[in-house]
PDB file of N, CA and C in Angstrom:
ATOM      1  N   UNK A   1     -50.554 146.703   4.915  1.00  0.00           N
ATOM      2  CA  UNK A   1     -51.351 145.729   5.645  1.00  0.00           C
ATOM      3  C   UNK A   1     -52.822 145.957   5.335  1.00  0.00           C
ATOM      4  N   UNK A   2     -53.568 144.865   5.367  1.00  0.00           N
ATOM      5  CA  UNK A   2     -54.991 144.999   5.106  1.00  0.00           C
ATOM      6  C   UNK A   2     -55.760 145.241   6.414  1.00  0.00           C
ATOM      7  N   UNK A   3     -57.048 145.489   6.271  1.00  0.00           N
ATOM      8  CA  UNK A   3     -57.888 145.827   7.423  1.00  0.00           C
ATOM      9  C   UNK A   3     -57.947 144.694   8.448  1.00  0.00           C
ATOM     10  N   UNK A   4     -58.000 143.446   7.975  1.00  0.00           N
ATOM     11  CA  UNK A   4     -58.029 142.311   8.904  1.00  0.00           C
ATOM     12  C   UNK A   4     -56.778 142.259   9.766  1.00  0.00           C
ATOM     13  N   UNK A   5     -55.631 142.512   9.160  1.00  0.00           N
ATOM     14  CA  UNK A   5     -54.377 142.493   9.915  1.00  0.00           C
ATOM     15  C   UNK A   5     -54.375 143.587  10.972  1.00  0.00           C
ATOM     16  N   UNK A   6     -54.823 144.766  10.589  1.00  0.00           N
ATOM     17  CA  UNK A   6     -54.879 145.882  11.543  1.00  0.00           C
ATOM     18  C   UNK A   6     -55.824 145.537  12.690  1.00  0.00           C
ATOM     19  N   UNK A   7     -56.987 144.994  12.381  1.00  0.00           N
ATOM     20  CA  UNK A   7     -57.954 144.638  13.425  1.00  0.00           C
ATOM     21  C   UNK A   7     -57.428 143.538  14.331  1.00  0.00           C
ATOM     22  N   UNK A   8     -56.747 142.561  13.754  1.00  0.00           N
ATOM     23  CA  UNK A   8     -56.170 141.485  14.576  1.00  0.00           C
ATOM     24  C   UNK A   8     -55.048 142.021  15.465  1.00  0.00           C
ATOM     25  N   UNK A   9     -54.278 142.952  14.924  1.00  0.00           N
ATOM     26  CA  UNK A   9     -53.208 143.557  15.711  1.00  0.00           C
ATOM     27  C   UNK A   9     -53.793 144.299  16.905  1.00  0.00           C
ATOM     28  N   UNK A  10     -54.837 145.073  16.669  1.00  0.00           N
ATOM     29  CA  UNK A  10     -55.499 145.789  17.762  1.00  0.00           C
ATOM     30  C   UNK A  10     -56.047 144.815  18.800  1.00  0.00           C
ATOM     31  N   UNK A  11     -56.672 143.733  18.336  1.00  0.00           N
ATOM     32  CA  UNK A  11     -57.236 142.745  19.255  1.00  0.00           C
ATOM     33  C   UNK A  11     -56.140 142.082  20.087  1.00  0.00           C
ATOM     34  N   UNK A  12     -55.024 141.755  19.456  1.00  0.00           N
ATOM     35  CA  UNK A  12     -53.906 141.139  20.180  1.00  0.00           C
ATOM     36  C   UNK A  12     -53.341 142.107  21.213  1.00  0.00           C
ATOM     37  N   UNK A  13     -53.182 143.352  20.831  1.00  0.00           N
ATOM     38  CA  UNK A  13     -52.661 144.368  21.762  1.00  0.00           C
ATOM     39  C   UNK A  13     -53.616 144.545  22.932  1.00  0.00           C
ATOM     40  N   UNK A  14     -54.916 144.620  22.641  1.00  0.00           N
ATOM     41  CA  UNK A  14     -55.894 144.784  23.713  1.00  0.00           C
ATOM     42  C   UNK A  14     -55.882 143.595  24.664  1.00  0.00           C
ATOM     43  N   UNK A  15     -55.730 142.389  24.126  1.00  0.00           N
ATOM     44  CA  UNK A  15     -55.658 141.202  24.984  1.00  0.00           C
ATOM     45  C   UNK A  15     -54.430 141.268  25.878  1.00  0.00           C
ATOM     46  N   UNK A  16     -53.306 141.719  25.325  1.00  0.00           N
ATOM     47  CA  UNK A  16     -52.088 141.839  26.131  1.00  0.00           C
ATOM     48  C   UNK A  16     -52.215 142.928  27.196  1.00  0.00           C
ATOM     49  N   UNK A  17     -52.919 143.998  26.870  1.00  0.00           N
ATOM     50  CA  UNK A  17     -53.169 145.051  27.862  1.00  0.00           C
ATOM     51  C   UNK A  17     -54.020 144.489  29.004  1.00  0.00           C
ATOM     52  N   UNK A  18     -55.029 143.687  28.657  1.00  0.00           N
ATOM     53  CA  UNK A  18     -55.857 143.054  29.686  1.00  0.00           C
ATOM     54  C   UNK A  18     -55.022 142.146  30.578  1.00  0.00           C
ATOM     55  N   UNK A  19     -54.093 141.421  29.978  1.00  0.00           N
ATOM     56  CA  UNK A  19     -53.206 140.533  30.743  1.00  0.00           C
ATOM     57  C   UNK A  19     -52.334 141.363  31.685  1.00  0.00           C
ATOM     58  N   UNK A  20     -51.778 142.437  31.155  1.00  0.00           N
ATOM     59  CA  UNK A  20     -50.949 143.296  32.000  1.00  0.00           C
ATOM     60  C   UNK A  20     -51.751 143.851  33.171  1.00  0.00           C
ATOM     61  N   UNK A  21     -52.987 144.241  32.921  1.00  0.00           N
ATOM     62  CA  UNK A  21     -53.827 144.779  33.985  1.00  0.00           C
ATOM     63  C   UNK A  21     -54.076 143.745  35.076  1.00  0.00           C
ATOM     64  N   UNK A  22     -54.260 142.489  34.678  1.00  0.00           N
ATOM     65  CA  UNK A  22     -54.402 141.419  35.670  1.00  0.00           C
ATOM     66  C   UNK A  22     -53.185 141.346  36.579  1.00  0.00           C
ATOM     67  N   UNK A  23     -52.003 141.442  35.969  1.00  0.00           N
ATOM     68  CA  UNK A  23     -50.773 141.370  36.773  1.00  0.00           C
ATOM     69  C   UNK A  23     -50.652 142.583  37.683  1.00  0.00           C
ATOM     70  N   UNK A  24     -50.976 143.753  37.166  1.00  0.00           N
ATOM     71  CA  UNK A  24     -50.889 144.974  37.979  1.00  0.00           C
ATOM     72  C   UNK A  24     -51.803 144.868  39.192  1.00  0.00           C
ATOM     73  N   UNK A  25     -53.014 144.371  38.963  1.00  0.00           N
ATOM     74  CA  UNK A  25     -53.983 144.262  40.045  1.00  0.00           C
ATOM     75  C   UNK A  25     -53.580 143.228  41.081  1.00  0.00           C
ATOM     76  N   UNK A  26     -52.695 142.327  40.733  1.00  0.00           N
ATOM     77  CA  UNK A  26     -52.295 141.263  41.642  1.00  0.00           C
ATOM     78  C   UNK A  26     -50.869 141.405  42.155  1.00  0.00           C
ATOM     79  N   UNK A  27     -50.294 142.568  42.010  1.00  0.00           N
ATOM     80  CA  UNK A  27     -48.963 142.827  42.520  1.00  0.00           C
ATOM     81  C   UNK A  27     -49.057 142.957  44.034  1.00  0.00           C
ATOM     82  N   UNK A  28     -48.152 142.530  44.818  1.00  0.00           N
ATOM     83  CA  UNK A  28     -46.871 141.926  44.488  1.00  0.00           C
ATOM     84  C   UNK A  28     -46.876 140.401  44.477  1.00  0.00           C
ATOM     85  N   UNK A  29     -47.987 139.763  44.862  1.00  0.00           N
ATOM     86  CA  UNK A  29     -47.944 138.304  45.012  1.00  0.00           C
ATOM     87  C   UNK A  29     -48.320 137.521  43.752  1.00  0.00           C
ATOM     88  N   UNK A  30     -49.023 138.144  42.828  1.00  0.00           N
ATOM     89  CA  UNK A  30     -49.396 137.521  41.548  1.00  0.00           C
ATOM     90  C   UNK A  30     -50.182 136.226  41.722  1.00  0.00           C
ATOM     91  N   UNK A  31     -50.957 136.155  42.791  1.00  0.00           N
ATOM     92  CA  UNK A  31     -51.804 134.976  42.997  1.00  0.00           C
ATOM     93  C   UNK A  31     -53.175 135.286  42.421  1.00  0.00           C
ATOM     94  N   UNK A  32     -53.452 134.719  41.262  1.00  0.00           N
ATOM     95  CA  UNK A  32     -54.707 134.974  40.586  1.00  0.00           C
ATOM     96  C   UNK A  32     -55.795 134.061  41.131  1.00  0.00           C
ATOM     97  N   UNK A  33     -56.999 134.598  41.215  1.00  0.00           N
ATOM     98  CA  UNK A  33     -58.146 133.787  41.618  1.00  0.00           C
ATOM     99  C   UNK A  33     -58.499 132.842  40.473  1.00  0.00           C
ATOM    100  N   UNK A  34     -59.377 131.910  40.766  1.00  0.00           N
ATOM    101  CA  UNK A  34     -59.829 130.972  39.740  1.00  0.00           C
ATOM    102  C   UNK A  34     -60.442 131.729  38.570  1.00  0.00           C
ATOM    103  N   UNK A  35     -61.269 132.704  38.858  1.00  0.00           N
ATOM    104  CA  UNK A  35     -61.912 133.490  37.803  1.00  0.00           C
ATOM    105  C   UNK A  35     -60.869 134.263  37.000  1.00  0.00           C
ATOM    106  N   UNK A  36     -59.893 134.845  37.683  1.00  0.00           N
ATOM    107  CA  UNK A  36     -58.842 135.595  36.982  1.00  0.00           C
ATOM    108  C   UNK A  36     -57.999 134.674  36.107  1.00  0.00           C
ATOM    109  N   UNK A  37     -57.768 133.444  36.566  1.00  0.00           N
ATOM    110  CA  UNK A  37     -57.024 132.487  35.746  1.00  0.00           C
ATOM    111  C   UNK A  37     -57.782 132.138  34.472  1.00  0.00           C
ATOM    112  N   UNK A  38     -59.091 132.020  34.560  1.00  0.00           N
ATOM    113  CA  UNK A  38     -59.903 131.752  33.379  1.00  0.00           C
ATOM    114  C   UNK A  38     -59.823 132.930  32.418  1.00  0.00           C
ATOM    115  N   UNK A  39     -59.916 134.149  32.955  1.00  0.00           N
ATOM    116  CA  UNK A  39     -59.797 135.354  32.122  1.00  0.00           C
ATOM    117  C   UNK A  39     -58.414 135.396  31.473  1.00  0.00           C
ATOM    118  N   UNK A  40     -57.373 135.112  32.249  1.00  0.00           N
ATOM    119  CA  UNK A  40     -56.012 135.097  31.719  1.00  0.00           C
ATOM    120  C   UNK A  40     -55.897 134.096  30.575  1.00  0.00           C
ATOM    121  N   UNK A  41     -56.432 132.904  30.763  1.00  0.00           N
ATOM    122  CA  UNK A  41     -56.384 131.881  29.724  1.00  0.00           C
ATOM    123  C   UNK A  41     -57.053 132.373  28.448  1.00  0.00           C
ATOM    124  N   UNK A  42     -58.228 132.946  28.567  1.00  0.00           N
ATOM    125  CA  UNK A  42     -58.954 133.438  27.395  1.00  0.00           C
ATOM    126  C   UNK A  42     -58.200 134.554  26.693  1.00  0.00           C
ATOM    127  N   UNK A  43     -57.618 135.472  27.458  1.00  0.00           N
ATOM    128  CA  UNK A  43     -56.873 136.580  26.852  1.00  0.00           C
ATOM    129  C   UNK A  43     -55.607 136.087  26.163  1.00  0.00           C
ATOM    130  N   UNK A  44     -54.919 135.137  26.791  1.00  0.00           N
ATOM    131  CA  UNK A  44     -53.725 134.570  26.171  1.00  0.00           C
ATOM    132  C   UNK A  44     -54.075 133.846  24.879  1.00  0.00           C
ATOM    133  N   UNK A  45     -55.154 133.081  24.897  1.00  0.00           N
ATOM    134  CA  UNK A  45     -55.584 132.380  23.688  1.00  0.00           C
ATOM    135  C   UNK A  45     -55.931 133.369  22.579  1.00  0.00           C
ATOM    136  N   UNK A  46     -56.608 134.437  22.946  1.00  0.00           N
ATOM    137  CA  UNK A  46     -56.981 135.465  21.968  1.00  0.00           C
ATOM    138  C   UNK A  46     -55.739 136.121  21.367  1.00  0.00           C
ATOM    139  N   UNK A  47     -54.797 136.463  22.230  1.00  0.00           N
ATOM    140  CA  UNK A  47     -53.563 137.097  21.747  1.00  0.00           C
ATOM    141  C   UNK A  47     -52.789 136.147  20.846  1.00  0.00           C
ATOM    142  N   UNK A  48     -52.642 134.896  21.262  1.00  0.00           N
ATOM    143  CA  UNK A  48     -51.882 133.924  20.467  1.00  0.00           C
ATOM    144  C   UNK A  48     -52.551 133.663  19.122  1.00  0.00           C
ATOM    145  N   UNK A  49     -53.862 133.530  19.135  1.00  0.00           N
ATOM    146  CA  UNK A  49     -54.584 133.281  17.890  1.00  0.00           C
ATOM    147  C   UNK A  49     -54.406 134.436  16.905  1.00  0.00           C
ATOM    148  N   UNK A  50     -54.565 135.645  17.399  1.00  0.00           N
ATOM    149  CA  UNK A  50     -54.428 136.801  16.515  1.00  0.00           C
ATOM    150  C   UNK A  50     -53.005 136.988  16.016  1.00  0.00           C
ATOM    151  N   UNK A  51     -52.030 136.811  16.897  1.00  0.00           N
ATOM    152  CA  UNK A  51     -50.637 136.949  16.487  1.00  0.00           C
ATOM    153  C   UNK A  51     -50.287 135.878  15.459  1.00  0.00           C
ATOM    154  N   UNK A  52     -50.755 134.650  15.667  1.00  0.00           N
ATOM    155  CA  UNK A  52     -50.488 133.571  14.701  1.00  0.00           C
ATOM    156  C   UNK A  52     -51.092 133.886  13.340  1.00  0.00           C
ATOM    157  N   UNK A  53     -52.323 134.383  13.337  1.00  0.00           N
ATOM    158  CA  UNK A  53     -52.970 134.731  12.072  1.00  0.00           C
ATOM    159  C   UNK A  53     -52.235 135.872  11.371  1.00  0.00           C
ATOM    160  N   UNK A  54     -51.857 136.876  12.131  1.00  0.00           N
ATOM    161  CA  UNK A  54     -51.111 138.009  11.557  1.00  0.00           C
ATOM    162  C   UNK A  54     -49.825 137.491  10.926  1.00  0.00           C
ATOM    163  N   UNK A  55     -49.105 136.660  11.654  1.00  0.00           N
ATOM    164  CA  UNK A  55     -47.835 136.137  11.168  1.00  0.00           C
ATOM    165  C   UNK A  55     -48.021 135.301   9.907  1.00  0.00           C
ATOM    166  N   UNK A  56     -48.939 134.356   9.960  1.00  0.00           N
ATOM    167  CA  UNK A  56     -49.147 133.461   8.823  1.00  0.00           C
ATOM    168  C   UNK A  56     -49.623 134.204   7.585  1.00  0.00           C
ATOM    169  N   UNK A  57     -50.540 135.159   7.761  1.00  0.00           N
ATOM    170  CA  UNK A  57     -51.083 135.888   6.625  1.00  0.00           C
ATOM    171  C   UNK A  57     -50.080 136.851   5.995  1.00  0.00           C
ATOM    172  N   UNK A  58     -49.076 137.235   6.755  1.00  0.00           N
ATOM    173  CA  UNK A  58     -48.108 138.218   6.259  1.00  0.00           C
ATOM    174  C   UNK A  58     -46.698 137.674   6.146  1.00  0.00           C
ATOM    175  N   UNK A  59     -46.533 136.376   6.365  1.00  0.00           N
ATOM    176  CA  UNK A  59     -45.217 135.748   6.385  1.00  0.00           C
ATOM    177  C   UNK A  59     -44.435 135.997   5.092  1.00  0.00           C
ATOM    178  N   UNK A  60     -45.087 135.814   3.953  1.00  0.00           N
ATOM    179  CA  UNK A  60     -44.419 135.981   2.662  1.00  0.00           C
ATOM    180  C   UNK A  60     -43.974 137.431   2.475  1.00  0.00           C
ATOM    181  N   UNK A  61     -44.862 138.369   2.809  1.00  0.00           N
ATOM    182  CA  UNK A  61     -44.522 139.791   2.671  1.00  0.00           C
ATOM    183  C   UNK A  61     -43.367 140.178   3.596  1.00  0.00           C
ATOM    184  N   UNK A  62     -43.422 139.676   4.825  1.00  0.00           N
ATOM    185  CA  UNK A  62     -42.370 140.010   5.785  1.00  0.00           C
ATOM    186  C   UNK A  62     -41.034 139.414   5.362  1.00  0.00           C
ATOM    187  N   UNK A  63     -41.058 138.189   4.844  1.00  0.00           N
ATOM    188  CA  UNK A  63     -39.825 137.557   4.367  1.00  0.00           C
ATOM    189  C   UNK A  63     -39.256 138.313   3.189  1.00  0.00           C
ATOM    190  N   UNK A  64     -40.136 138.748   2.275  1.00  0.00           N
ATOM    191  CA  UNK A  64     -39.677 139.522   1.118  1.00  0.00           C
ATOM    192  C   UNK A  64     -39.045 140.829   1.566  1.00  0.00           C
ATOM    193  N   UNK A  65     -39.633 141.471   2.556  1.00  0.00           N
ATOM    194  CA  UNK A  65     -39.073 142.718   3.077  1.00  0.00           C
ATOM    195  C   UNK A  65     -37.711 142.466   3.720  1.00  0.00           C
ATOM    196  N   UNK A  66     -37.614 141.381   4.469  1.00  0.00           N
ATOM    197  CA  UNK A  66     -36.345 141.027   5.109  1.00  0.00           C
ATOM    198  C   UNK A  66     -35.268 140.743   4.065  1.00  0.00           C
ATOM    199  N   UNK A  67     -35.634 140.005   3.016  1.00  0.00           N
ATOM    200  CA  UNK A  67     -34.698 139.699   1.937  1.00  0.00           C
ATOM    201  C   UNK A  67     -34.241 140.974   1.228  1.00  0.00           C
ATOM    202  N   UNK A  68     -35.177 141.879   1.017  1.00  0.00           N
ATOM    203  CA  UNK A  68     -34.842 143.148   0.363  1.00  0.00           C
ATOM    204  C   UNK A  68     -33.850 143.956   1.191  1.00  0.00           C
ATOM    205  N   UNK A  69     -34.057 143.996   2.483  1.00  0.00           N
ATOM    206  CA  UNK A  69     -33.146 144.725   3.367  1.00  0.00           C
ATOM    207  C   UNK A  69     -31.771 144.074   3.370  1.00  0.00           C
ATOM    208  N   UNK A  70     -31.727 142.741   3.383  1.00  0.00           N
ATOM    209  CA  UNK A  70     -30.439 142.038   3.327  1.00  0.00           C
ATOM    210  C   UNK A  70     -29.684 142.390   2.050  1.00  0.00           C
ATOM    211  N   UNK A  71     -30.403 142.434   0.934  1.00  0.00           N
ATOM    212  CA  UNK A  71     -29.776 142.788  -0.340  1.00  0.00           C
ATOM    213  C   UNK A  71     -29.239 144.209  -0.303  1.00  0.00           C
ATOM    214  N   UNK A  72     -29.995 145.110   0.305  1.00  0.00           N
ATOM    215  CA  UNK A  72     -29.547 146.507   0.411  1.00  0.00           C
ATOM    216  C   UNK A  72     -28.253 146.585   1.223  1.00  0.00           C
ATOM    217  N   UNK A  73     -28.201 145.854   2.319  1.00  0.00           N
ATOM    218  CA  UNK A  73     -26.998 145.865   3.161  1.00  0.00           C
ATOM    219  C   UNK A  73     -25.810 145.235   2.449  1.00  0.00           C
ATOM    220  N   UNK A  74     -26.062 144.178   1.694  1.00  0.00           N
ATOM    221  CA  UNK A  74     -24.998 143.539   0.940  1.00  0.00           C
ATOM    222  C   UNK A  74     -24.453 144.492  -0.116  1.00  0.00           C
ATOM    223  N   UNK A  75     -25.324 145.240  -0.743  1.00  0.00           N
ATOM    224  CA  UNK A  75     -24.917 146.222  -1.741  1.00  0.00           C
ATOM    225  C   UNK A  75     -24.045 147.302  -1.138  1.00  0.00           C
ATOM    226  N   UNK A  76     -24.339 147.720   0.063  1.00  0.00           N
ATOM    227  CA  UNK A  76     -23.558 148.754   0.753  1.00  0.00           C
ATOM    228  C   UNK A  76     -22.184 148.229   1.135  1.00  0.00           C
ATOM    229  N   UNK A  77     -22.099 146.966   1.507  1.00  0.00           N
ATOM    230  CA  UNK A  77     -20.810 146.373   1.896  1.00  0.00           C
ATOM    231  C   UNK A  77     -19.855 146.239   0.709  1.00  0.00           C
ATOM    232  N   UNK A  78     -20.412 146.003  -0.484  1.00  0.00           N
ATOM    233  CA  UNK A  78     -19.586 145.808  -1.666  1.00  0.00           C
ATOM    234  C   UNK A  78     -18.947 147.098  -2.145  1.00  0.00           C
ATOM    235  N   UNK A  79     -19.517 148.223  -1.760  1.00  0.00           N
ATOM    236  CA  UNK A  79     -18.997 149.510  -2.252  1.00  0.00           C
ATOM    237  C   UNK A  79     -17.731 149.918  -1.588  1.00  0.00           C
TER     238      UNK A  79
END
């Protein structure tokens, strides 16, 4: 993976951690204030954007890896 992918992964993880913290702070009723809802929206958008970019930029590599693993398993079954 390149540096951009690593940085986007970290950003997505951090956004998800922020989201989790919002839920923890609002347990057990999970009633977010207006301000917390805005923060939640921004964090979700950040996480989705970064995850989408990571996926799109690495889709070909990930598919190739998946195909390679399938071939390895097929080879083992034939033996």
